[in-house]
Amino acid sequence: MQGANLLKTCKTIAVVGLSSSPWRPSYGVSEYMQTSGYRIIPVNPKETEVLGEKAWPTLDDVPEPVDLVNIFRQSQHVPEIVEAAIRIGAKGVWMQEGVIHDEAARRAREAGLDVVMDRCILKEHRKLADTSLL
């Protein structure tokens, strides 16, 4: 199952594009992941706090180790996010449904990161939980 290893080994997820608006997909997905035991770090220059966590303007500003970078931004922004994920030493990048950038995915893989593209982290987590693979 795509992303299973990341979901099993990663505990701290920086969510790029996380909004404080409860009706936004980034909020609902991140809230689910947080209640499932993951540490969520919001990354959004327009936010100060989301889901009880301090928000950071960029990945480079996050002052602690990040295991996984979950991307809720338009595809054209992915390359710069992938480069930041490489710089901060993340284990992987997860591009949500509809977020696709083959060249950035290749770059991430070349740098040793695991990559999931065009998949919802919540849906993949639920599949694993339902099959007791987590």
C-alpha atoms as a PDB file:
ATOM      1  CA  MET A   1       0.000   0.000   0.000  1.00  0.00           C
ATOM      2  CA  GLN A   2       1.436   3.324  -1.067  1.00  0.00           C
ATOM      3  CA  GLY A   3       2.803   5.318   1.843  1.00  0.00           C
ATOM      4  CA  ALA A   4       2.450   2.537   4.418  1.00  0.00           C
ATOM      5  CA  ASN A   5       6.089   2.736   5.477  1.00  0.00           C
ATOM      6  CA  LEU A   6       5.887   6.505   5.918  1.00  0.00           C
ATOM      7  CA  LEU A   7       2.728   6.237   8.001  1.00  0.00           C
ATOM      8  CA  LYS A   8       4.325   3.564  10.204  1.00  0.00           C
ATOM      9  CA  THR A   9       7.666   5.283  10.770  1.00  0.00           C
ATOM     10  CA  CYS A  10       6.885   8.999  10.696  1.00  0.00           C
ATOM     11  CA  LYS A  11       5.441  10.648  13.782  1.00  0.00           C
ATOM     12  CA  THR A  12       5.962  14.363  13.085  1.00  0.00           C
ATOM     13  CA  ILE A  13       4.209  15.773  10.027  1.00  0.00           C
ATOM     14  CA  ALA A  14       4.715  19.336   8.778  1.00  0.00           C
ATOM     15  CA  VAL A  15       1.626  20.296   6.800  1.00  0.00           C
ATOM     16  CA  VAL A  16       2.422  22.937   4.189  1.00  0.00           C
ATOM     17  CA  GLY A  17      -0.689  24.951   3.406  1.00  0.00           C
ATOM     18  CA  LEU A  18      -2.576  23.990   6.578  1.00  0.00           C
ATOM     19  CA  SER A  19      -5.478  26.386   7.096  1.00  0.00           C
ATOM     20  CA  SER A  20      -7.247  27.264  10.344  1.00  0.00           C
ATOM     21  CA  SER A  21     -10.581  27.176   8.486  1.00  0.00           C
ATOM     22  CA  PRO A  22     -12.408  24.008   9.631  1.00  0.00           C
ATOM     23  CA  TRP A  23     -14.127  23.588   6.254  1.00  0.00           C
ATOM     24  CA  ARG A  24     -10.796  23.362   4.357  1.00  0.00           C
ATOM     25  CA  PRO A  25      -9.587  19.848   3.486  1.00  0.00           C
ATOM     26  CA  SER A  26      -6.152  20.571   5.000  1.00  0.00           C
ATOM     27  CA  TYR A  27      -7.777  21.214   8.383  1.00  0.00           C
ATOM     28  CA  GLY A  28      -9.961  18.097   8.437  1.00  0.00           C
ATOM     29  CA  VAL A  29      -7.190  15.814   7.234  1.00  0.00           C
ATOM     30  CA  SER A  30      -4.674  17.243   9.713  1.00  0.00           C
ATOM     31  CA  GLU A  31      -7.153  17.070  12.578  1.00  0.00           C
ATOM     32  CA  TYR A  32      -7.738  13.385  11.791  1.00  0.00           C
ATOM     33  CA  MET A  33      -3.998  12.682  11.666  1.00  0.00           C
ATOM     34  CA  GLN A  34      -3.497  14.547  14.948  1.00  0.00           C
ATOM     35  CA  THR A  35      -6.196  12.513  16.693  1.00  0.00           C
ATOM     36  CA  SER A  36      -4.553   9.382  15.250  1.00  0.00           C
ATOM     37  CA  GLY A  37      -1.386  10.153  17.215  1.00  0.00           C
ATOM     38  CA  TYR A  38       0.735  12.172  14.805  1.00  0.00           C
ATOM     39  CA  ARG A  39       2.329  15.481  15.750  1.00  0.00           C
ATOM     40  CA  ILE A  40       1.112  18.108  13.288  1.00  0.00           C
ATOM     41  CA  ILE A  41       3.215  21.197  12.579  1.00  0.00           C
ATOM     42  CA  PRO A  42       1.350  23.849  10.562  1.00  0.00           C
ATOM     43  CA  VAL A  43       3.363  25.602   7.846  1.00  0.00           C
ATOM     44  CA  ASN A  44       1.525  28.613   6.464  1.00  0.00           C
ATOM     45  CA  PRO A  45       2.690  32.261   6.504  1.00  0.00           C
ATOM     46  CA  LYS A  46      -0.948  33.410   6.882  1.00  0.00           C
ATOM     47  CA  GLU A  47      -1.511  31.509  10.149  1.00  0.00           C
ATOM     48  CA  THR A  48      -0.191  31.882  13.701  1.00  0.00           C
ATOM     49  CA  GLU A  49      -1.735  28.750  15.221  1.00  0.00           C
ATOM     50  CA  VAL A  50      -3.708  25.793  13.879  1.00  0.00           C
ATOM     51  CA  LEU A  51      -5.028  22.789  15.824  1.00  0.00           C
ATOM     52  CA  GLY A  52      -3.341  24.086  18.984  1.00  0.00           C
ATOM     53  CA  GLU A  53       0.111  24.145  17.348  1.00  0.00           C
ATOM     54  CA  LYS A  54       2.218  27.181  16.488  1.00  0.00           C
ATOM     55  CA  ALA A  55       2.292  27.784  12.747  1.00  0.00           C
ATOM     56  CA  TRP A  56       5.543  28.536  10.932  1.00  0.00           C
ATOM     57  CA  PRO A  57       5.855  30.628   7.757  1.00  0.00           C
ATOM     58  CA  THR A  58       8.099  28.126   5.928  1.00  0.00           C
ATOM     59  CA  LEU A  59       9.561  24.656   6.426  1.00  0.00           C
ATOM     60  CA  ASP A  60      12.968  26.247   6.974  1.00  0.00           C
ATOM     61  CA  ASP A  61      11.542  28.110   9.996  1.00  0.00           C
ATOM     62  CA  VAL A  62      10.385  24.957  11.815  1.00  0.00           C
ATOM     63  CA  PRO A  63      12.775  24.611  14.792  1.00  0.00           C
ATOM     64  CA  GLU A  64      12.466  20.864  15.311  1.00  0.00           C
ATOM     65  CA  PRO A  65      12.954  17.696  13.256  1.00  0.00           C
ATOM     66  CA  VAL A  66      10.220  16.853  10.753  1.00  0.00           C
ATOM     67  CA  ASP A  67       9.682  13.279   9.563  1.00  0.00           C
ATOM     68  CA  LEU A  68       7.182  13.887   6.785  1.00  0.00           C
ATOM     69  CA  VAL A  69       6.101  16.925   4.752  1.00  0.00           C
ATOM     70  CA  ASN A  70       2.438  16.804   3.706  1.00  0.00           C
ATOM     71  CA  ILE A  71       1.722  19.222   0.853  1.00  0.00           C
ATOM     72  CA  PHE A  72      -1.621  21.019   0.536  1.00  0.00           C
ATOM     73  CA  ARG A  73      -0.495  23.534  -2.091  1.00  0.00           C
ATOM     74  CA  GLN A  74      -1.001  23.832  -5.835  1.00  0.00           C
ATOM     75  CA  SER A  75       1.344  21.706  -7.903  1.00  0.00           C
ATOM     76  CA  GLN A  76       3.398  24.653  -9.178  1.00  0.00           C
ATOM     77  CA  HIS A  77       4.599  25.290  -5.585  1.00  0.00           C
ATOM     78  CA  VAL A  78       5.823  21.719  -5.049  1.00  0.00           C
ATOM     79  CA  PRO A  79       9.444  22.121  -6.271  1.00  0.00           C
ATOM     80  CA  GLU A  80      10.312  24.791  -3.687  1.00  0.00           C
ATOM     81  CA  ILE A  81       8.622  22.738  -0.940  1.00  0.00           C
ATOM     82  CA  VAL A  82      10.530  19.606  -1.952  1.00  0.00           C
ATOM     83  CA  GLU A  83      13.813  21.527  -1.870  1.00  0.00           C
ATOM     84  CA  ALA A  84      12.973  22.733   1.650  1.00  0.00           C
ATOM     85  CA  ALA A  85      12.029  19.190   2.706  1.00  0.00           C
ATOM     86  CA  ILE A  86      15.436  18.000   1.497  1.00  0.00           C
ATOM     87  CA  ARG A  87      17.199  20.846   3.357  1.00  0.00           C
ATOM     88  CA  ILE A  88      15.494  20.075   6.670  1.00  0.00           C
ATOM     89  CA  GLY A  89      16.178  16.347   6.433  1.00  0.00           C
ATOM     90  CA  ALA A  90      12.616  15.045   6.137  1.00  0.00           C
ATOM     91  CA  LYS A  91      12.214  11.317   5.444  1.00  0.00           C
ATOM     92  CA  GLY A  92       9.470  11.863   2.907  1.00  0.00           C
ATOM     93  CA  VAL A  93       7.037  14.120   1.092  1.00  0.00           C
ATOM     94  CA  TRP A  94       3.347  13.422   0.652  1.00  0.00           C
ATOM     95  CA  MET A  95       1.453  15.279  -2.071  1.00  0.00           C
ATOM     96  CA  GLN A  96      -2.273  15.279  -1.409  1.00  0.00           C
ATOM     97  CA  GLU A  97      -4.903  14.318  -4.007  1.00  0.00           C
ATOM     98  CA  GLY A  98      -4.591  16.523  -7.068  1.00  0.00           C
ATOM     99  CA  VAL A  99      -1.055  17.613  -6.185  1.00  0.00           C
ATOM    100  CA  ILE A 100       1.219  16.214  -8.887  1.00  0.00           C
ATOM    101  CA  HIS A 101       4.738  17.198  -9.876  1.00  0.00           C
ATOM    102  CA  ASP A 102       6.795  14.414 -11.455  1.00  0.00           C
ATOM    103  CA  GLU A 103      10.054  16.369 -11.650  1.00  0.00           C
ATOM    104  CA  ALA A 104       9.893  17.385  -7.971  1.00  0.00           C
ATOM    105  CA  ALA A 105       9.057  13.785  -7.029  1.00  0.00           C
ATOM    106  CA  ARG A 106      12.104  12.580  -8.968  1.00  0.00           C
ATOM    107  CA  ARG A 107      14.291  15.178  -7.241  1.00  0.00           C
ATOM    108  CA  ALA A 108      13.011  14.089  -3.818  1.00  0.00           C
ATOM    109  CA  ARG A 109      13.653  10.415  -4.569  1.00  0.00           C
ATOM    110  CA  GLU A 110      17.169  11.209  -5.820  1.00  0.00           C
ATOM    111  CA  ALA A 111      17.800  12.956  -2.489  1.00  0.00           C
ATOM    112  CA  GLY A 112      16.691   9.810  -0.635  1.00  0.00           C
ATOM    113  CA  LEU A 113      13.171  10.849   0.373  1.00  0.00           C
ATOM    114  CA  ASP A 114      10.152   8.581   0.067  1.00  0.00           C
ATOM    115  CA  VAL A 115       7.452  10.136  -2.101  1.00  0.00           C
ATOM    116  CA  VAL A 116       3.700   9.710  -2.259  1.00  0.00           C
ATOM    117  CA  MET A 117       1.904  11.727  -4.929  1.00  0.00           C
ATOM    118  CA  ASP A 118      -1.776  12.392  -5.648  1.00  0.00           C
ATOM    119  CA  ARG A 119      -3.001  10.450  -2.600  1.00  0.00           C
ATOM    120  CA  CYS A 120      -4.923  11.505   0.503  1.00  0.00           C
ATOM    121  CA  ILE A 121      -2.971  10.742   3.668  1.00  0.00           C
ATOM    122  CA  LEU A 122      -6.219  10.347   5.649  1.00  0.00           C
ATOM    123  CA  LYS A 123      -7.632   7.772   3.200  1.00  0.00           C
ATOM    124  CA  GLU A 124      -4.353   5.839   3.135  1.00  0.00           C
ATOM    125  CA  HIS A 125      -4.157   5.887   6.954  1.00  0.00           C
ATOM    126  CA  ARG A 126      -7.737   4.601   7.226  1.00  0.00           C
ATOM    127  CA  LYS A 127      -6.984   1.745   4.814  1.00  0.00           C
ATOM    128  CA  LEU A 128      -4.005   0.720   6.918  1.00  0.00           C
ATOM    129  CA  ALA A 129      -5.939   1.057  10.169  1.00  0.00           C
ATOM    130  CA  ASP A 130      -8.818  -1.014   8.752  1.00  0.00           C
ATOM    131  CA  THR A 131      -6.431  -3.802   7.804  1.00  0.00           C
ATOM    132  CA  SER A 132      -4.521  -3.536  11.117  1.00  0.00           C
ATOM    133  CA  LEU A 133      -1.272  -2.732   9.299  1.00  0.00           C
ATOM    134  CA  LEU A 134      -0.474   0.231  11.541  1.00  0.00           C
END
